[in-house]
Amino acid sequence: MPDPRFANDPFQGVTLEMIVTRLVAHYGWQEMGSRINIRCFNFDPSVKSSLKFLRKTPWARTKVEELYLHYLWVTAEKSKTDAETEKPETPEAPESTAGP
């Protein structure tokens, strides 16, 4: 049974590499570099160089984690909106075969 102390922790079981990879897949390097102006996102970006920098720079890591939380919120809201806008298919009423 999972530990209830960590039930609402969005970082539980998620590595920094997973965070960076998901953000890059969602936003792309250019958008990440405009949202968080750090050299490893703007000049010859790679996951490896970003991880090296983020592990040594707490303020930058905090900004990336905040962006990840925003990403989680946006994707959760989008899922919720998509689920609300989907209309269940209603079967058409069968045509009556009885004559006059």
N, C-alpha and C. Protein backbone atom coordinates (compact mmCIF):
# COMPACT_ATOMS: atom_id res chain seq x y z
N MET A 1 0.86 -1.18 0.00
CA MET A 1 0.00 0.00 0.00
C MET A 1 0.90 1.23 0.00
N PRO A 2 0.60 2.23 -0.86
CA PRO A 2 1.43 3.42 -0.92
C PRO A 2 1.36 4.22 0.38
N ASP A 3 2.47 4.88 0.69
CA ASP A 3 2.55 5.70 1.88
C ASP A 3 1.66 6.93 1.70
N PRO A 4 0.66 7.16 2.56
CA PRO A 4 -0.26 8.29 2.38
C PRO A 4 0.41 9.65 2.50
N ARG A 5 1.59 9.70 3.13
CA ARG A 5 2.29 10.99 3.25
C ARG A 5 2.73 11.52 1.89
N PHE A 6 2.89 10.63 0.92
CA PHE A 6 3.37 11.03 -0.39
C PHE A 6 2.29 10.96 -1.47
N ALA A 7 1.05 10.75 -1.08
CA ALA A 7 -0.03 10.57 -2.05
C ALA A 7 -0.22 11.78 -2.96
N ASN A 8 -0.01 12.98 -2.44
CA ASN A 8 -0.23 14.20 -3.22
C ASN A 8 1.07 14.84 -3.68
N ASP A 9 2.17 14.13 -3.64
CA ASP A 9 3.46 14.68 -4.04
C ASP A 9 3.67 14.42 -5.53
N PRO A 10 3.60 15.46 -6.37
CA PRO A 10 3.76 15.25 -7.80
C PRO A 10 5.17 14.84 -8.22
N PHE A 11 6.13 14.97 -7.32
CA PHE A 11 7.51 14.60 -7.64
C PHE A 11 7.86 13.19 -7.16
N GLN A 12 6.93 12.52 -6.50
CA GLN A 12 7.18 11.18 -6.01
C GLN A 12 7.40 10.23 -7.19
N GLY A 13 8.57 9.62 -7.23
CA GLY A 13 8.87 8.65 -8.28
C GLY A 13 9.24 9.27 -9.62
N VAL A 14 9.41 10.59 -9.66
CA VAL A 14 9.74 11.28 -10.90
C VAL A 14 11.15 11.86 -10.77
N THR A 15 12.02 11.47 -11.69
CA THR A 15 13.40 11.97 -11.65
C THR A 15 13.49 13.31 -12.38
N LEU A 16 14.58 14.01 -12.12
CA LEU A 16 14.82 15.27 -12.81
C LEU A 16 14.92 15.04 -14.31
N GLU A 17 15.51 13.95 -14.71
CA GLU A 17 15.60 13.63 -16.14
C GLU A 17 14.22 13.44 -16.75
N MET A 18 13.31 12.79 -16.03
CA MET A 18 11.95 12.60 -16.53
C MET A 18 11.24 13.96 -16.67
N ILE A 19 11.47 14.84 -15.70
CA ILE A 19 10.85 16.16 -15.73
C ILE A 19 11.32 16.93 -16.96
N VAL A 20 12.64 16.99 -17.15
CA VAL A 20 13.19 17.74 -18.28
C VAL A 20 12.70 17.13 -19.60
N THR A 21 12.72 15.83 -19.70
CA THR A 21 12.30 15.16 -20.94
C THR A 21 10.83 15.44 -21.25
N ARG A 22 9.97 15.39 -20.25
CA ARG A 22 8.54 15.68 -20.46
C ARG A 22 8.32 17.14 -20.86
N LEU A 23 9.05 18.04 -20.21
CA LEU A 23 8.89 19.45 -20.55
C LEU A 23 9.36 19.74 -21.97
N VAL A 24 10.47 19.14 -22.36
CA VAL A 24 10.98 19.34 -23.72
C VAL A 24 9.99 18.77 -24.74
N ALA A 25 9.42 17.61 -24.44
CA ALA A 25 8.45 17.02 -25.35
C ALA A 25 7.21 17.91 -25.49
N HIS A 26 6.81 18.55 -24.40
CA HIS A 26 5.61 19.37 -24.42
C HIS A 26 5.87 20.77 -24.98
N TYR A 27 6.91 21.44 -24.49
CA TYR A 27 7.18 22.83 -24.86
C TYR A 27 8.22 22.99 -25.97
N GLY A 28 9.21 22.10 -26.02
CA GLY A 28 10.33 22.28 -26.94
C GLY A 28 11.40 23.15 -26.28
N TRP A 29 12.63 23.04 -26.77
CA TRP A 29 13.75 23.79 -26.18
C TRP A 29 13.55 25.30 -26.30
N GLN A 30 13.07 25.77 -27.43
CA GLN A 30 12.94 27.20 -27.65
C GLN A 30 11.97 27.82 -26.64
N GLU A 31 10.82 27.19 -26.45
CA GLU A 31 9.83 27.69 -25.50
C GLU A 31 10.35 27.60 -24.07
N MET A 32 11.03 26.51 -23.75
CA MET A 32 11.60 26.39 -22.40
C MET A 32 12.63 27.49 -22.16
N GLY A 33 13.45 27.77 -23.17
CA GLY A 33 14.45 28.83 -23.04
C GLY A 33 13.84 30.20 -22.89
N SER A 34 12.66 30.41 -23.48
CA SER A 34 12.01 31.71 -23.30
C SER A 34 11.30 31.80 -21.95
N ARG A 35 10.84 30.68 -21.45
CA ARG A 35 10.18 30.67 -20.13
C ARG A 35 11.19 30.73 -18.99
N ILE A 36 12.30 30.02 -19.17
CA ILE A 36 13.36 30.00 -18.16
C ILE A 36 14.67 30.32 -18.89
N ASN A 37 15.13 31.54 -18.74
CA ASN A 37 16.27 32.01 -19.51
C ASN A 37 17.59 31.51 -18.90
N ILE A 38 17.93 30.28 -19.24
CA ILE A 38 19.22 29.73 -18.82
C ILE A 38 19.93 29.19 -20.06
N ARG A 39 21.23 29.31 -20.04
CA ARG A 39 22.06 29.00 -21.20
C ARG A 39 21.85 27.57 -21.72
N CYS A 40 21.71 26.62 -20.81
CA CYS A 40 21.60 25.22 -21.25
C CYS A 40 20.30 24.95 -22.01
N PHE A 41 19.32 25.85 -21.95
CA PHE A 41 18.10 25.71 -22.73
C PHE A 41 18.17 26.49 -24.05
N ASN A 42 19.04 27.48 -24.10
CA ASN A 42 19.08 28.38 -25.26
C ASN A 42 20.22 28.14 -26.24
N PHE A 43 21.33 27.59 -25.78
CA PHE A 43 22.50 27.40 -26.64
C PHE A 43 22.91 25.94 -26.63
N ASP A 44 22.76 25.29 -27.78
CA ASP A 44 23.10 23.88 -27.94
C ASP A 44 22.48 23.03 -26.82
N PRO A 45 21.15 23.08 -26.69
CA PRO A 45 20.48 22.40 -25.58
C PRO A 45 20.52 20.88 -25.70
N SER A 46 20.63 20.24 -24.55
CA SER A 46 20.52 18.79 -24.48
C SER A 46 20.06 18.44 -23.07
N VAL A 47 19.48 17.27 -22.95
CA VAL A 47 19.04 16.82 -21.63
C VAL A 47 20.25 16.67 -20.72
N LYS A 48 21.33 16.11 -21.24
CA LYS A 48 22.52 15.88 -20.43
C LYS A 48 23.10 17.18 -19.86
N SER A 49 23.26 18.19 -20.70
CA SER A 49 23.82 19.46 -20.22
C SER A 49 22.86 20.15 -19.25
N SER A 50 21.58 20.02 -19.51
CA SER A 50 20.58 20.63 -18.63
C SER A 50 20.61 19.97 -17.26
N LEU A 51 20.68 18.65 -17.23
CA LEU A 51 20.72 17.95 -15.95
C LEU A 51 21.95 18.34 -15.15
N LYS A 52 23.08 18.43 -15.83
CA LYS A 52 24.33 18.80 -15.15
C LYS A 52 24.19 20.18 -14.51
N PHE A 53 23.65 21.14 -15.25
CA PHE A 53 23.47 22.49 -14.73
C PHE A 53 22.42 22.53 -13.61
N LEU A 54 21.29 21.89 -13.83
CA LEU A 54 20.19 21.95 -12.85
C LEU A 54 20.55 21.29 -11.53
N ARG A 55 21.37 20.26 -11.57
CA ARG A 55 21.78 19.59 -10.33
C ARG A 55 22.72 20.46 -9.50
N LYS A 56 23.40 21.40 -10.15
CA LYS A 56 24.35 22.27 -9.44
C LYS A 56 23.76 23.63 -9.10
N THR A 57 22.58 23.94 -9.63
CA THR A 57 22.03 25.29 -9.50
C THR A 57 20.61 25.22 -8.94
N PRO A 58 20.48 25.35 -7.63
CA PRO A 58 19.16 25.19 -7.00
C PRO A 58 18.08 26.15 -7.51
N TRP A 59 18.42 27.41 -7.79
CA TRP A 59 17.39 28.35 -8.24
C TRP A 59 16.84 27.94 -9.60
N ALA A 60 17.70 27.43 -10.47
CA ALA A 60 17.25 27.01 -11.80
C ALA A 60 16.40 25.75 -11.70
N ARG A 61 16.82 24.84 -10.83
CA ARG A 61 16.04 23.61 -10.64
C ARG A 61 14.65 23.94 -10.12
N THR A 62 14.59 24.90 -9.20
CA THR A 62 13.30 25.31 -8.65
C THR A 62 12.39 25.85 -9.76
N LYS A 63 12.95 26.65 -10.66
CA LYS A 63 12.15 27.19 -11.77
C LYS A 63 11.65 26.07 -12.69
N VAL A 64 12.49 25.08 -12.94
CA VAL A 64 12.09 23.94 -13.78
C VAL A 64 10.99 23.14 -13.07
N GLU A 65 11.12 22.94 -11.78
CA GLU A 65 10.09 22.22 -11.03
C GLU A 65 8.78 22.99 -11.03
N GLU A 66 8.85 24.31 -10.93
CA GLU A 66 7.63 25.12 -10.98
C GLU A 66 6.97 25.02 -12.36
N LEU A 67 7.77 25.02 -13.41
CA LEU A 67 7.23 24.86 -14.76
C LEU A 67 6.59 23.48 -14.91
N TYR A 68 7.21 22.47 -14.31
CA TYR A 68 6.65 21.11 -14.37
C TYR A 68 5.29 21.06 -13.66
N LEU A 69 5.19 21.73 -12.51
CA LEU A 69 3.90 21.77 -11.81
C LEU A 69 2.85 22.47 -12.66
N HIS A 70 3.25 23.54 -13.33
CA HIS A 70 2.33 24.24 -14.24
C HIS A 70 1.91 23.32 -15.37
N TYR A 71 2.86 22.60 -15.93
CA TYR A 71 2.59 21.63 -17.01
C TYR A 71 1.58 20.57 -16.53
N LEU A 72 1.77 20.04 -15.32
CA LEU A 72 0.84 19.05 -14.79
C LEU A 72 -0.55 19.64 -14.63
N TRP A 73 -0.63 20.87 -14.15
CA TRP A 73 -1.92 21.52 -13.95
C TRP A 73 -2.62 21.74 -15.29
N VAL A 74 -1.87 22.25 -16.28
CA VAL A 74 -2.44 22.52 -17.60
C VAL A 74 -2.94 21.23 -18.25
N THR A 75 -2.15 20.16 -18.18
CA THR A 75 -2.57 18.92 -18.81
C THR A 75 -3.77 18.31 -18.07
N ALA A 76 -3.82 18.47 -16.75
CA ALA A 76 -4.97 17.96 -15.99
C ALA A 76 -6.22 18.75 -16.35
N GLU A 77 -6.10 20.07 -16.47
CA GLU A 77 -7.24 20.90 -16.83
C GLU A 77 -7.72 20.57 -18.24
N LYS A 78 -6.78 20.35 -19.15
CA LYS A 78 -7.14 20.01 -20.53
C LYS A 78 -7.88 18.67 -20.57
N SER A 79 -7.40 17.72 -19.79
CA SER A 79 -8.07 16.41 -19.74
C SER A 79 -9.48 16.55 -19.20
N LYS A 80 -9.62 17.38 -18.17
CA LYS A 80 -10.93 17.58 -17.57
C LYS A 80 -11.87 18.26 -18.57
N THR A 81 -11.38 19.26 -19.27
CA THR A 81 -12.19 19.97 -20.26
C THR A 81 -12.58 19.05 -21.41
N ASP A 82 -11.60 18.25 -21.87
CA ASP A 82 -11.89 17.31 -22.95
C ASP A 82 -12.96 16.31 -22.54
N ALA A 83 -12.89 15.84 -21.31
CA ALA A 83 -13.86 14.86 -20.83
C ALA A 83 -15.26 15.49 -20.72
N GLU A 84 -15.31 16.77 -20.34
CA GLU A 84 -16.60 17.43 -20.20
C GLU A 84 -17.23 17.75 -21.55
N THR A 85 -16.41 18.02 -22.57
CA THR A 85 -16.96 18.39 -23.86
C THR A 85 -17.35 17.19 -24.71
N GLU A 86 -16.85 16.02 -24.37
CA GLU A 86 -17.23 14.82 -25.11
C GLU A 86 -18.67 14.48 -24.77
N LYS A 87 -19.45 14.30 -25.79
CA LYS A 87 -20.85 13.94 -25.58
C LYS A 87 -20.97 12.44 -25.79
N PRO A 88 -21.64 11.78 -24.88
CA PRO A 88 -21.85 10.34 -25.11
C PRO A 88 -22.77 10.15 -26.30
N GLU A 89 -22.48 9.14 -27.06
CA GLU A 89 -23.30 8.85 -28.24
C GLU A 89 -24.65 8.33 -27.78
N THR A 90 -25.70 8.90 -28.34
CA THR A 90 -27.04 8.43 -28.01
C THR A 90 -27.53 7.62 -29.20
N PRO A 91 -28.00 6.44 -28.91
CA PRO A 91 -28.48 5.62 -30.02
C PRO A 91 -29.73 6.24 -30.63
N GLU A 92 -29.80 6.12 -31.94
CA GLU A 92 -30.99 6.64 -32.62
C GLU A 92 -32.18 5.74 -32.32
N ALA A 93 -33.32 6.35 -32.28
CA ALA A 93 -34.53 5.58 -32.03
C ALA A 93 -34.78 4.66 -33.22
N PRO A 94 -35.12 3.41 -32.97
CA PRO A 94 -35.37 2.51 -34.10
C PRO A 94 -36.60 2.96 -34.87
N GLU A 95 -36.51 2.78 -36.16
CA GLU A 95 -37.64 3.16 -37.01
C GLU A 95 -38.77 2.14 -36.82
N SER A 96 -39.94 2.64 -36.81
CA SER A 96 -41.10 1.78 -36.63
C SER A 96 -41.39 1.04 -37.93
N THR A 97 -41.58 -0.25 -37.82
CA THR A 97 -41.87 -1.05 -39.03
C THR A 97 -43.35 -1.32 -39.17
N ALA A 98 -44.12 -0.89 -38.19
CA ALA A 98 -45.57 -1.14 -38.26
C ALA A 98 -46.20 -0.18 -39.25
N GLY A 99 -47.07 -0.67 -40.07
CA GLY A 99 -47.75 0.13 -41.09
C GLY A 99 -49.06 0.65 -40.59
N PRO A 100 -49.71 1.48 -41.40
CA PRO A 100 -51.04 2.03 -41.02
C PRO A 100 -52.16 1.06 -41.04
